[in-house]
Amino acid sequence: MDTGTTLPLGERLNLCARTDPAALCAALAAGDPDLGFAYLDCGPDRWRVRVTRRPGR
């Protein structure tokens, strides 16, 4: 998943999972430090994370 080039600046997407997506978020952040992450739901059966493309630092 290459959100760094496909997610426009300021746009968001919601990532939904059955388990904590922390490892996926960390991998995405390592590839693109301009991505921000905010947990919307924290289990136990449903996890949602909002991924936002932020302006470059």
C-alpha atoms as a PDB file:
ATOM      1  CA  MET A   1       0.000   0.000   0.000  1.00  0.00           C
ATOM      2  CA  ASP A   2       1.641   3.214  -1.131  1.00  0.00           C
ATOM      3  CA  THR A   3      -0.443   5.922   0.549  1.00  0.00           C
ATOM      4  CA  GLY A   4       2.448   8.364   0.360  1.00  0.00           C
ATOM      5  CA  THR A   5       1.940   8.918  -3.342  1.00  0.00           C
ATOM      6  CA  THR A   6      -1.768   8.192  -3.672  1.00  0.00           C
ATOM      7  CA  LEU A   7      -3.255  10.032  -0.676  1.00  0.00           C
ATOM      8  CA  PRO A   8      -3.429  13.755  -1.528  1.00  0.00           C
ATOM      9  CA  LEU A   9      -2.319  16.382   0.970  1.00  0.00           C
ATOM     10  CA  GLY A  10      -4.967  16.907   3.643  1.00  0.00           C
ATOM     11  CA  GLU A  11      -7.003  13.890   2.569  1.00  0.00           C
ATOM     12  CA  ARG A  12      -7.898  11.121   4.998  1.00  0.00           C
ATOM     13  CA  LEU A  13      -8.770   7.467   4.906  1.00  0.00           C
ATOM     14  CA  ASN A  14     -10.106   5.206   7.622  1.00  0.00           C
ATOM     15  CA  LEU A  15      -8.317   1.926   8.144  1.00  0.00           C
ATOM     16  CA  CYS A  16     -10.536  -0.789   9.676  1.00  0.00           C
ATOM     17  CA  ALA A  17      -9.212  -4.018  11.190  1.00  0.00           C
ATOM     18  CA  ARG A  18     -10.173  -6.834  13.546  1.00  0.00           C
ATOM     19  CA  THR A  19      -6.870  -6.540  15.430  1.00  0.00           C
ATOM     20  CA  ASP A  20      -4.714  -3.595  16.464  1.00  0.00           C
ATOM     21  CA  PRO A  21      -3.169  -2.196  13.246  1.00  0.00           C
ATOM     22  CA  ALA A  22      -0.209  -0.639  15.110  1.00  0.00           C
ATOM     23  CA  ALA A  23       2.377  -2.618  13.117  1.00  0.00           C
ATOM     24  CA  LEU A  24       0.817  -1.556   9.814  1.00  0.00           C
ATOM     25  CA  CYS A  25       0.691   2.077  10.943  1.00  0.00           C
ATOM     26  CA  ALA A  26       4.350   1.912  11.973  1.00  0.00           C
ATOM     27  CA  ALA A  27       5.330   0.454   8.598  1.00  0.00           C
ATOM     28  CA  LEU A  28       3.402   3.157   6.741  1.00  0.00           C
ATOM     29  CA  ALA A  29       4.923   5.884   8.929  1.00  0.00           C
ATOM     30  CA  ALA A  30       8.418   4.523   8.288  1.00  0.00           C
ATOM     31  CA  GLY A  31       7.818   4.840   4.552  1.00  0.00           C
ATOM     32  CA  ASP A  32       6.270   8.301   4.747  1.00  0.00           C
ATOM     33  CA  PRO A  33       6.760  10.505   7.834  1.00  0.00           C
ATOM     34  CA  ASP A  34       4.087  12.923   6.536  1.00  0.00           C
ATOM     35  CA  LEU A  35       1.306  10.480   7.395  1.00  0.00           C
ATOM     36  CA  GLY A  36      -0.576  11.054  10.647  1.00  0.00           C
ATOM     37  CA  PHE A  37      -2.524   8.418  12.567  1.00  0.00           C
ATOM     38  CA  ALA A  38      -5.438   8.786  14.994  1.00  0.00           C
ATOM     39  CA  TYR A  39      -7.240   5.862  16.606  1.00  0.00           C
ATOM     40  CA  LEU A  40     -11.025   6.172  16.300  1.00  0.00           C
ATOM     41  CA  ASP A  41     -11.952   2.771  17.816  1.00  0.00           C
ATOM     42  CA  CYS A  42      -9.667   0.624  19.973  1.00  0.00           C
ATOM     43  CA  GLY A  43     -11.005  -2.929  19.989  1.00  0.00           C
ATOM     44  CA  PRO A  44     -11.527  -5.450  21.194  1.00  0.00           C
ATOM     45  CA  ASP A  45     -13.409  -6.562  18.059  1.00  0.00           C
ATOM     46  CA  ARG A  46     -13.072  -3.490  15.871  1.00  0.00           C
ATOM     47  CA  TRP A  47     -10.157  -1.139  15.352  1.00  0.00           C
ATOM     48  CA  ARG A  48     -10.327   2.002  13.232  1.00  0.00           C
ATOM     49  CA  VAL A  49      -7.484   4.383  12.498  1.00  0.00           C
ATOM     50  CA  ARG A  50      -7.742   7.621  10.537  1.00  0.00           C
ATOM     51  CA  VAL A  51      -4.727   8.111   8.274  1.00  0.00           C
ATOM     52  CA  THR A  52      -4.106  11.699   7.158  1.00  0.00           C
ATOM     53  CA  ARG A  53      -1.547  13.064   4.717  1.00  0.00           C
ATOM     54  CA  ARG A  54       0.022  16.106   6.420  1.00  0.00           C
ATOM     55  CA  PRO A  55       2.124  18.882   4.912  1.00  0.00           C
ATOM     56  CA  GLY A  56       5.818  18.013   4.700  1.00  0.00           C
ATOM     57  CA  ARG A  57       8.011  19.023   7.587  1.00  0.00           C
END
